[in-house]
Amino acid sequence: MQARMSNPAMINPEAMKALQALAASTGDSEFPKGLLELVHLRASQINGCSVCVDMHPRLARKAGETDERLFAVSVWRDTPYFSEAERAALALTEAVTRVADRADPVPDNVWNEATRHFDEKQLGNLVLAIANVNVWNRLNIATRQVPGVWKV
C-alpha cells in the first residue's frame, strides 16, 4: 500500500495545530479517556478508516480498555460489556457519523438518552470529539493513508 500523498494536516501545520487543539480540548475534559477512544474507534469503523481502526485500539488499551470491549465495540448493542452511559455515547457517535443515512440524522431519543448521562459540557465535548474523528477519517480515507505508519 502507498498513500496518495501526505496527510493534508501534515502538510498544513496550521491545520494540524487546529485539529490537535480541538482534540486536546475534548481529551482533557471530564469525559473518560477510554470512552473517547471507543467513540473514535466506532466512528472510524463506520467510516472505514483503516488508519484510525488500527490506531484507536492501541490508544484505548493505554487508557485501560480491555480487548473484550474493543472487540465488541462494533456490536455494542448485542453485548453486556457497556454501561448505559457508554451505550448512549456510542449511539450518538453512530448518529452523528451517519448524518446522511436518515431524514432525522440525530433523533430525539438518541439525543435525550445522551443528555441523561452527560452534562452540557461533557455532551459538547463528546459532539466535538465525534466531529474531530470524522475529520481525521475523511483526511485519511481521501489520501489513502497507510495503517501502522503512525504507531502510538
Protein backbone atom coordinates (compact mmCIF):
# COMPACT_ATOMS: atom_id res chain seq x y z
CA MET A 1 0.00 0.00 0.00
CA GLN A 2 1.06 3.53 -0.68
CA ALA A 3 -0.58 6.79 0.33
CA ARG A 4 -1.70 9.12 -2.44
CA MET A 5 0.01 11.98 -0.64
CA SER A 6 0.97 13.00 2.87
CA ASN A 7 -1.95 13.62 5.16
CA PRO A 8 -3.12 17.20 4.47
CA ALA A 9 -2.81 18.06 8.16
CA MET A 10 0.86 17.07 7.97
CA ILE A 11 1.38 19.41 5.03
CA ASN A 12 -0.52 22.31 6.60
CA PRO A 13 0.92 22.97 10.08
CA GLU A 14 -1.89 25.40 10.94
CA ALA A 15 -4.50 22.74 10.21
CA MET A 16 -2.57 20.25 12.35
CA LYS A 17 -2.42 22.74 15.23
CA ALA A 18 -6.17 23.34 14.96
CA LEU A 19 -7.04 19.63 14.89
CA GLN A 20 -4.65 18.89 17.77
CA ALA A 21 -6.06 21.80 19.77
CA LEU A 22 -9.59 20.51 19.22
CA ALA A 23 -8.54 17.02 20.31
CA ALA A 24 -6.78 18.39 23.38
CA SER A 25 -9.80 20.45 24.35
CA THR A 26 -12.04 17.37 24.34
CA GLY A 27 -9.43 14.92 25.62
CA ASP A 28 -8.69 16.98 28.71
CA SER A 29 -12.34 17.07 29.71
CA GLU A 30 -14.05 15.15 32.47
CA PHE A 31 -15.09 12.64 29.82
CA PRO A 32 -13.42 9.23 30.38
CA LYS A 33 -10.41 8.81 28.07
CA GLY A 34 -11.22 5.15 27.39
CA LEU A 35 -14.75 6.03 26.29
CA LEU A 36 -13.42 8.74 23.98
CA GLU A 37 -11.22 6.12 22.33
CA LEU A 38 -14.20 3.76 21.93
CA VAL A 39 -16.11 6.63 20.31
CA HIS A 40 -13.17 7.30 17.97
CA LEU A 41 -12.94 3.61 17.13
CA ARG A 42 -16.66 3.26 16.42
CA ALA A 43 -16.80 6.28 14.12
CA SER A 44 -13.69 5.03 12.33
CA GLN A 45 -15.21 1.58 11.85
CA ILE A 46 -18.32 3.13 10.31
CA ASN A 47 -16.26 5.33 8.01
CA GLY A 48 -13.82 2.58 7.05
CA CYS A 49 -10.73 4.49 8.16
CA SER A 50 -8.07 1.80 8.39
CA VAL A 51 -5.52 4.15 9.98
CA CYS A 52 -7.85 5.01 12.84
CA VAL A 53 -9.20 1.47 13.25
CA ASP A 54 -5.56 0.42 13.65
CA MET A 55 -4.59 3.31 15.97
CA HIS A 56 -7.52 3.80 18.35
CA PRO A 57 -7.49 0.33 19.92
CA ARG A 58 -3.84 0.96 20.87
CA LEU A 59 -4.79 4.26 22.48
CA ALA A 60 -7.80 2.67 24.16
CA ARG A 61 -5.63 -0.05 25.68
CA LYS A 62 -3.31 2.64 27.05
CA ALA A 63 -6.41 4.21 28.61
CA GLY A 64 -7.28 0.90 30.30
CA GLU A 65 -9.73 -0.62 27.83
CA THR A 66 -9.83 -4.41 27.55
CA ASP A 67 -9.62 -6.49 24.40
CA GLU A 68 -13.07 -7.85 25.18
CA ARG A 69 -14.62 -4.38 24.94
CA LEU A 70 -12.51 -3.38 21.94
CA PHE A 71 -13.55 -6.48 20.02
CA ALA A 72 -17.21 -5.83 20.88
CA VAL A 73 -17.46 -2.11 20.13
CA SER A 74 -18.81 -2.73 16.60
CA VAL A 75 -21.64 -4.81 18.10
CA TRP A 76 -22.12 -2.84 21.31
CA ARG A 77 -25.92 -3.21 21.24
CA ASP A 78 -25.66 -7.00 21.46
CA THR A 79 -23.08 -7.36 24.23
CA PRO A 80 -23.20 -6.87 28.01
CA TYR A 81 -19.86 -5.04 28.19
CA PHE A 82 -21.04 -1.42 28.07
CA SER A 83 -22.83 0.76 30.60
CA GLU A 84 -25.94 2.77 29.78
CA ALA A 85 -23.82 5.93 29.50
CA GLU A 86 -21.35 4.23 27.16
CA ARG A 87 -24.23 2.95 25.03
CA ALA A 88 -25.65 6.47 24.84
CA ALA A 89 -22.26 7.80 23.71
CA LEU A 90 -21.89 5.07 21.08
CA ALA A 91 -25.44 5.63 19.79
CA LEU A 92 -24.74 9.35 19.48
CA THR A 93 -21.46 8.58 17.73
CA GLU A 94 -23.25 6.45 15.15
CA ALA A 95 -25.94 9.07 14.57
CA VAL A 96 -23.53 11.98 14.19
CA THR A 97 -21.24 9.93 11.95
CA ARG A 98 -24.09 8.72 9.70
CA VAL A 99 -25.79 12.08 9.20
CA ALA A 100 -26.75 11.33 5.58
CA ASP A 101 -28.37 7.96 6.32
CA ARG A 102 -31.75 9.19 7.58
CA ALA A 103 -34.12 12.14 7.43
CA ASP A 104 -33.63 12.86 11.14
CA PRO A 105 -29.86 12.30 11.49
CA VAL A 106 -29.74 12.63 15.28
CA PRO A 107 -33.16 11.56 16.55
CA ASP A 108 -34.52 13.00 19.78
CA ASN A 109 -34.43 9.61 21.51
CA VAL A 110 -30.68 9.29 20.85
CA TRP A 111 -30.00 12.87 21.95
CA ASN A 112 -32.24 12.64 25.01
CA GLU A 113 -30.57 9.43 26.16
CA ALA A 114 -27.17 11.12 25.90
CA THR A 115 -28.44 14.06 27.97
CA ARG A 116 -29.49 11.63 30.72
CA HIS A 117 -25.86 10.59 31.19
CA PHE A 118 -23.78 13.64 30.34
CA ASP A 119 -23.96 17.27 31.37
CA GLU A 120 -23.85 20.03 28.77
CA LYS A 121 -20.07 20.41 28.86
CA GLN A 122 -19.49 16.66 28.56
CA LEU A 123 -22.05 16.38 25.78
CA GLY A 124 -20.50 19.31 23.93
CA ASN A 125 -17.06 17.70 24.21
CA LEU A 126 -18.47 14.40 23.00
CA VAL A 127 -20.00 16.01 19.90
CA LEU A 128 -16.72 17.86 19.22
CA ALA A 129 -14.74 14.62 19.61
CA ILE A 130 -17.07 12.81 17.19
CA ALA A 131 -16.74 15.65 14.68
CA ASN A 132 -12.96 15.68 15.02
CA VAL A 133 -12.51 11.96 14.45
CA ASN A 134 -14.78 12.22 11.42
CA VAL A 135 -12.47 14.93 10.01
CA TRP A 136 -9.43 12.70 10.57
CA ASN A 137 -11.25 9.75 8.98
CA ARG A 138 -12.03 11.76 5.88
CA LEU A 139 -8.48 13.09 5.54
CA ASN A 140 -7.02 9.59 5.91
CA ILE A 141 -9.50 7.94 3.56
CA ALA A 142 -9.23 10.57 0.82
CA THR A 143 -5.45 10.34 0.75
CA ARG A 144 -5.31 6.58 1.40
CA GLN A 145 -3.08 6.80 4.43
CA VAL A 146 -1.45 3.51 5.37
CA PRO A 147 -2.28 1.88 8.71
CA GLY A 148 0.57 1.24 11.09
CA VAL A 149 2.71 4.13 9.90
CA TRP A 150 1.68 6.28 12.88
CA LYS A 151 2.49 3.99 15.78
CA VAL A 152 1.21 5.17 19.15
